[in-house]
């Protein structure tokens, strides 16, 4: 029987690693992109359709947080935040920030109800959350990479 190292060298074990690794990398990139768009929103007040969609996806994922303890729970669409593992990370990172508060701020930005001075402060707080989310995703990405190099 072939060892795992032999299977890995032959390329038989790489398919599973690539999928989860690329999802973590996608999540990190989506977090960074959303931070950049939120910075622009803080200064101009303009909401782009793609930013509203990303924020809405995050809110939906946070709303299903009670269901992510069950691996058969429905997780929304094709969002870079929407896979089961990614939803767990979103909710894990939101915990120290008070996830209800983060969820509320994300929803208010997406709805366009944050105005003026509140906009800058709210964006800074959400960007702290997104920065931690990006770093957590990159950590998981590198952890997957190192685990696969038996």
C-alpha atoms as a PDB file:
ATOM      1  CA  UNK A   1       0.000   0.000   0.000  1.00  0.00           C
ATOM      2  CA  UNK A   2       1.348   3.409  -0.973  1.00  0.00           C
ATOM      3  CA  UNK A   3       2.194   5.867   1.763  1.00  0.00           C
ATOM      4  CA  UNK A   4       0.655   9.332   1.859  1.00  0.00           C
ATOM      5  CA  UNK A   5       4.010  10.854   0.928  1.00  0.00           C
ATOM      6  CA  UNK A   6       4.184   8.644  -2.181  1.00  0.00           C
ATOM      7  CA  UNK A   7       0.633   9.549  -3.164  1.00  0.00           C
ATOM      8  CA  UNK A   8       1.429  13.220  -2.663  1.00  0.00           C
ATOM      9  CA  UNK A   9       4.578  12.981  -4.817  1.00  0.00           C
ATOM     10  CA  UNK A  10       2.574  11.326  -7.570  1.00  0.00           C
ATOM     11  CA  UNK A  11       0.009  14.132  -7.446  1.00  0.00           C
ATOM     12  CA  UNK A  12      -2.873  12.056  -6.092  1.00  0.00           C
ATOM     13  CA  UNK A  13      -3.363  14.160  -2.944  1.00  0.00           C
ATOM     14  CA  UNK A  14      -3.024  17.639  -4.398  1.00  0.00           C
ATOM     15  CA  UNK A  15      -6.578  18.151  -5.654  1.00  0.00           C
ATOM     16  CA  UNK A  16      -8.070  18.477  -2.199  1.00  0.00           C
ATOM     17  CA  UNK A  17      -5.359  20.829  -0.985  1.00  0.00           C
ATOM     18  CA  UNK A  18      -5.755  23.216  -3.902  1.00  0.00           C
ATOM     19  CA  UNK A  19      -9.501  23.699  -3.375  1.00  0.00           C
ATOM     20  CA  UNK A  20      -9.398  24.677   0.277  1.00  0.00           C
ATOM     21  CA  UNK A  21      -6.173  26.650  -0.110  1.00  0.00           C
ATOM     22  CA  UNK A  22      -7.593  28.700  -2.958  1.00  0.00           C
ATOM     23  CA  UNK A  23     -10.776  29.365  -0.950  1.00  0.00           C
ATOM     24  CA  UNK A  24      -8.713  30.802   1.918  1.00  0.00           C
ATOM     25  CA  UNK A  25      -6.723  32.923  -0.495  1.00  0.00           C
ATOM     26  CA  UNK A  26      -9.932  34.125  -2.171  1.00  0.00           C
ATOM     27  CA  UNK A  27     -11.292  35.068   1.218  1.00  0.00           C
ATOM     28  CA  UNK A  28      -8.178  37.081   2.079  1.00  0.00           C
ATOM     29  CA  UNK A  29      -8.253  38.877  -1.264  1.00  0.00           C
ATOM     30  CA  UNK A  30     -11.976  39.614  -0.961  1.00  0.00           C
ATOM     31  CA  UNK A  31     -11.403  41.043   2.528  1.00  0.00           C
ATOM     32  CA  UNK A  32      -8.626  43.317   1.245  1.00  0.00           C
ATOM     33  CA  UNK A  33     -10.694  44.435  -1.731  1.00  0.00           C
ATOM     34  CA  UNK A  34     -13.652  45.221   0.520  1.00  0.00           C
ATOM     35  CA  UNK A  35     -11.407  47.220   2.889  1.00  0.00           C
ATOM     36  CA  UNK A  36     -10.214  49.324  -0.054  1.00  0.00           C
ATOM     37  CA  UNK A  37     -13.777  49.924  -1.242  1.00  0.00           C
ATOM     38  CA  UNK A  38     -14.893  50.845   2.268  1.00  0.00           C
ATOM     39  CA  UNK A  39     -12.057  53.376   2.521  1.00  0.00           C
ATOM     40  CA  UNK A  40     -13.345  54.959  -0.680  1.00  0.00           C
ATOM     41  CA  UNK A  41     -16.903  54.876   0.696  1.00  0.00           C
ATOM     42  CA  UNK A  42     -15.740  56.618   3.897  1.00  0.00           C
ATOM     43  CA  UNK A  43     -14.398  59.574   1.924  1.00  0.00           C
ATOM     44  CA  UNK A  44     -16.977  59.817  -0.882  1.00  0.00           C
ATOM     45  CA  UNK A  45     -20.134  58.204   0.482  1.00  0.00           C
ATOM     46  CA  UNK A  46     -20.594  56.281  -2.778  1.00  0.00           C
ATOM     47  CA  UNK A  47     -21.703  52.648  -2.538  1.00  0.00           C
ATOM     48  CA  UNK A  48     -20.878  50.364  -5.442  1.00  0.00           C
ATOM     49  CA  UNK A  49     -23.120  47.459  -6.316  1.00  0.00           C
ATOM     50  CA  UNK A  50     -20.313  44.940  -5.803  1.00  0.00           C
ATOM     51  CA  UNK A  51     -19.541  46.368  -2.359  1.00  0.00           C
ATOM     52  CA  UNK A  52     -23.193  46.161  -1.312  1.00  0.00           C
ATOM     53  CA  UNK A  53     -23.302  42.557  -2.556  1.00  0.00           C
ATOM     54  CA  UNK A  54     -20.163  41.620  -0.566  1.00  0.00           C
ATOM     55  CA  UNK A  55     -21.493  43.305   2.574  1.00  0.00           C
ATOM     56  CA  UNK A  56     -24.870  41.599   2.170  1.00  0.00           C
ATOM     57  CA  UNK A  57     -23.144  38.229   1.772  1.00  0.00           C
ATOM     58  CA  UNK A  58     -21.226  38.798   5.005  1.00  0.00           C
ATOM     59  CA  UNK A  59     -24.429  39.765   6.835  1.00  0.00           C
ATOM     60  CA  UNK A  60     -26.188  36.647   5.519  1.00  0.00           C
ATOM     61  CA  UNK A  61     -23.292  34.450   6.635  1.00  0.00           C
ATOM     62  CA  UNK A  62     -23.321  36.017  10.072  1.00  0.00           C
ATOM     63  CA  UNK A  63     -27.093  35.435  10.249  1.00  0.00           C
ATOM     64  CA  UNK A  64     -26.520  31.725   9.646  1.00  0.00           C
ATOM     65  CA  UNK A  65     -23.819  31.540  12.334  1.00  0.00           C
ATOM     66  CA  UNK A  66     -25.970  29.370  14.568  1.00  0.00           C
ATOM     67  CA  UNK A  67     -26.226  26.847  11.771  1.00  0.00           C
ATOM     68  CA  UNK A  68     -22.493  26.542  11.046  1.00  0.00           C
ATOM     69  CA  UNK A  69     -22.001  24.169  13.957  1.00  0.00           C
ATOM     70  CA  UNK A  70     -23.754  21.674  11.709  1.00  0.00           C
ATOM     71  CA  UNK A  71     -21.735  20.771   8.625  1.00  0.00           C
ATOM     72  CA  UNK A  72     -24.960  20.269   6.666  1.00  0.00           C
ATOM     73  CA  UNK A  73     -26.171  23.830   7.287  1.00  0.00           C
ATOM     74  CA  UNK A  74     -27.017  25.929   4.251  1.00  0.00           C
ATOM     75  CA  UNK A  75     -24.335  28.499   3.507  1.00  0.00           C
ATOM     76  CA  UNK A  76     -25.090  31.238   0.984  1.00  0.00           C
ATOM     77  CA  UNK A  77     -24.047  31.206  -2.661  1.00  0.00           C
ATOM     78  CA  UNK A  78     -20.733  31.762  -4.361  1.00  0.00           C
ATOM     79  CA  UNK A  79     -19.410  34.391  -1.995  1.00  0.00           C
ATOM     80  CA  UNK A  80     -15.702  34.134  -1.121  1.00  0.00           C
ATOM     81  CA  UNK A  81     -16.943  34.181   2.475  1.00  0.00           C
ATOM     82  CA  UNK A  82     -19.626  31.544   1.982  1.00  0.00           C
ATOM     83  CA  UNK A  83     -18.091  28.095   2.214  1.00  0.00           C
ATOM     84  CA  UNK A  84     -18.576  26.188   5.449  1.00  0.00           C
ATOM     85  CA  UNK A  85     -14.964  26.626   6.609  1.00  0.00           C
ATOM     86  CA  UNK A  86     -14.987  30.279   5.641  1.00  0.00           C
ATOM     87  CA  UNK A  87     -18.275  30.944   7.445  1.00  0.00           C
ATOM     88  CA  UNK A  88     -16.750  29.464  10.568  1.00  0.00           C
ATOM     89  CA  UNK A  89     -13.786  31.818  10.248  1.00  0.00           C
ATOM     90  CA  UNK A  90     -16.049  34.849   9.668  1.00  0.00           C
ATOM     91  CA  UNK A  91     -17.973  34.096  12.832  1.00  0.00           C
ATOM     92  CA  UNK A  92     -14.837  33.230  14.805  1.00  0.00           C
ATOM     93  CA  UNK A  93     -13.183  36.528  13.858  1.00  0.00           C
ATOM     94  CA  UNK A  94     -16.377  38.516  14.526  1.00  0.00           C
ATOM     95  CA  UNK A  95     -16.639  37.143  18.090  1.00  0.00           C
ATOM     96  CA  UNK A  96     -14.123  39.460  19.799  1.00  0.00           C
ATOM     97  CA  UNK A  97     -15.646  42.422  17.948  1.00  0.00           C
ATOM     98  CA  UNK A  98     -19.146  41.590  19.225  1.00  0.00           C
ATOM     99  CA  UNK A  99     -20.613  39.847  16.199  1.00  0.00           C
ATOM    100  CA  UNK A 100     -24.042  41.492  16.575  1.00  0.00           C
ATOM    101  CA  UNK A 101     -22.397  44.907  16.449  1.00  0.00           C
ATOM    102  CA  UNK A 102     -20.311  43.968  13.396  1.00  0.00           C
ATOM    103  CA  UNK A 103     -23.369  42.504  11.692  1.00  0.00           C
ATOM    104  CA  UNK A 104     -25.384  45.659  12.389  1.00  0.00           C
ATOM    105  CA  UNK A 105     -22.678  47.956  11.030  1.00  0.00           C
ATOM    106  CA  UNK A 106     -22.249  45.840   7.896  1.00  0.00           C
ATOM    107  CA  UNK A 107     -26.015  45.955   7.323  1.00  0.00           C
ATOM    108  CA  UNK A 108     -26.217  49.732   7.867  1.00  0.00           C
ATOM    109  CA  UNK A 109     -23.411  50.335   5.381  1.00  0.00           C
ATOM    110  CA  UNK A 110     -25.059  48.043   2.810  1.00  0.00           C
ATOM    111  CA  UNK A 111     -28.407  49.782   3.312  1.00  0.00           C
ATOM    112  CA  UNK A 112     -26.764  53.199   2.935  1.00  0.00           C
ATOM    113  CA  UNK A 113     -28.060  54.484   6.270  1.00  0.00           C
ATOM    114  CA  UNK A 114     -24.696  55.617   7.670  1.00  0.00           C
ATOM    115  CA  UNK A 115     -24.022  59.285   7.092  1.00  0.00           C
ATOM    116  CA  UNK A 116     -21.264  61.866   7.599  1.00  0.00           C
ATOM    117  CA  UNK A 117     -19.018  61.552  10.643  1.00  0.00           C
ATOM    118  CA  UNK A 118     -20.448  58.151  11.594  1.00  0.00           C
ATOM    119  CA  UNK A 119     -19.317  56.803   8.232  1.00  0.00           C
ATOM    120  CA  UNK A 120     -15.585  57.195   8.935  1.00  0.00           C
ATOM    121  CA  UNK A 121     -15.739  55.696  12.435  1.00  0.00           C
ATOM    122  CA  UNK A 122     -17.899  52.798  11.307  1.00  0.00           C
ATOM    123  CA  UNK A 123     -15.655  52.029   8.334  1.00  0.00           C
ATOM    124  CA  UNK A 124     -12.575  52.030  10.599  1.00  0.00           C
ATOM    125  CA  UNK A 125     -14.231  49.514  12.935  1.00  0.00           C
ATOM    126  CA  UNK A 126     -15.375  47.273  10.079  1.00  0.00           C
ATOM    127  CA  UNK A 127     -11.945  47.488   8.455  1.00  0.00           C
ATOM    128  CA  UNK A 128     -10.367  46.262  11.707  1.00  0.00           C
ATOM    129  CA  UNK A 129     -12.674  43.252  11.529  1.00  0.00           C
ATOM    130  CA  UNK A 130     -11.866  42.707   7.832  1.00  0.00           C
ATOM    131  CA  UNK A 131      -8.135  43.062   8.512  1.00  0.00           C
ATOM    132  CA  UNK A 132      -8.350  40.323  11.147  1.00  0.00           C
ATOM    133  CA  UNK A 133     -10.428  38.241   8.737  1.00  0.00           C
ATOM    134  CA  UNK A 134      -7.822  38.685   6.006  1.00  0.00           C
ATOM    135  CA  UNK A 135      -5.001  37.699   8.362  1.00  0.00           C
ATOM    136  CA  UNK A 136      -6.900  34.651   9.639  1.00  0.00           C
ATOM    137  CA  UNK A 137      -7.566  33.514   6.071  1.00  0.00           C
ATOM    138  CA  UNK A 138      -3.890  33.977   5.146  1.00  0.00           C
ATOM    139  CA  UNK A 139      -2.876  32.034   8.247  1.00  0.00           C
ATOM    140  CA  UNK A 140      -5.200  29.171   7.256  1.00  0.00           C
ATOM    141  CA  UNK A 141      -3.858  29.363   3.697  1.00  0.00           C
ATOM    142  CA  UNK A 142      -0.246  29.048   4.875  1.00  0.00           C
ATOM    143  CA  UNK A 143      -1.200  26.366   7.418  1.00  0.00           C
ATOM    144  CA  UNK A 144      -2.784  24.287   4.627  1.00  0.00           C
ATOM    145  CA  UNK A 145       0.301  24.823   2.484  1.00  0.00           C
ATOM    146  CA  UNK A 146       2.697  23.614   5.165  1.00  0.00           C
ATOM    147  CA  UNK A 147       0.518  20.636   6.125  1.00  0.00           C
ATOM    148  CA  UNK A 148       0.466  19.431   2.536  1.00  0.00           C
ATOM    149  CA  UNK A 149       4.257  19.342   2.280  1.00  0.00           C
ATOM    150  CA  UNK A 150       4.709  16.274   4.451  1.00  0.00           C
END
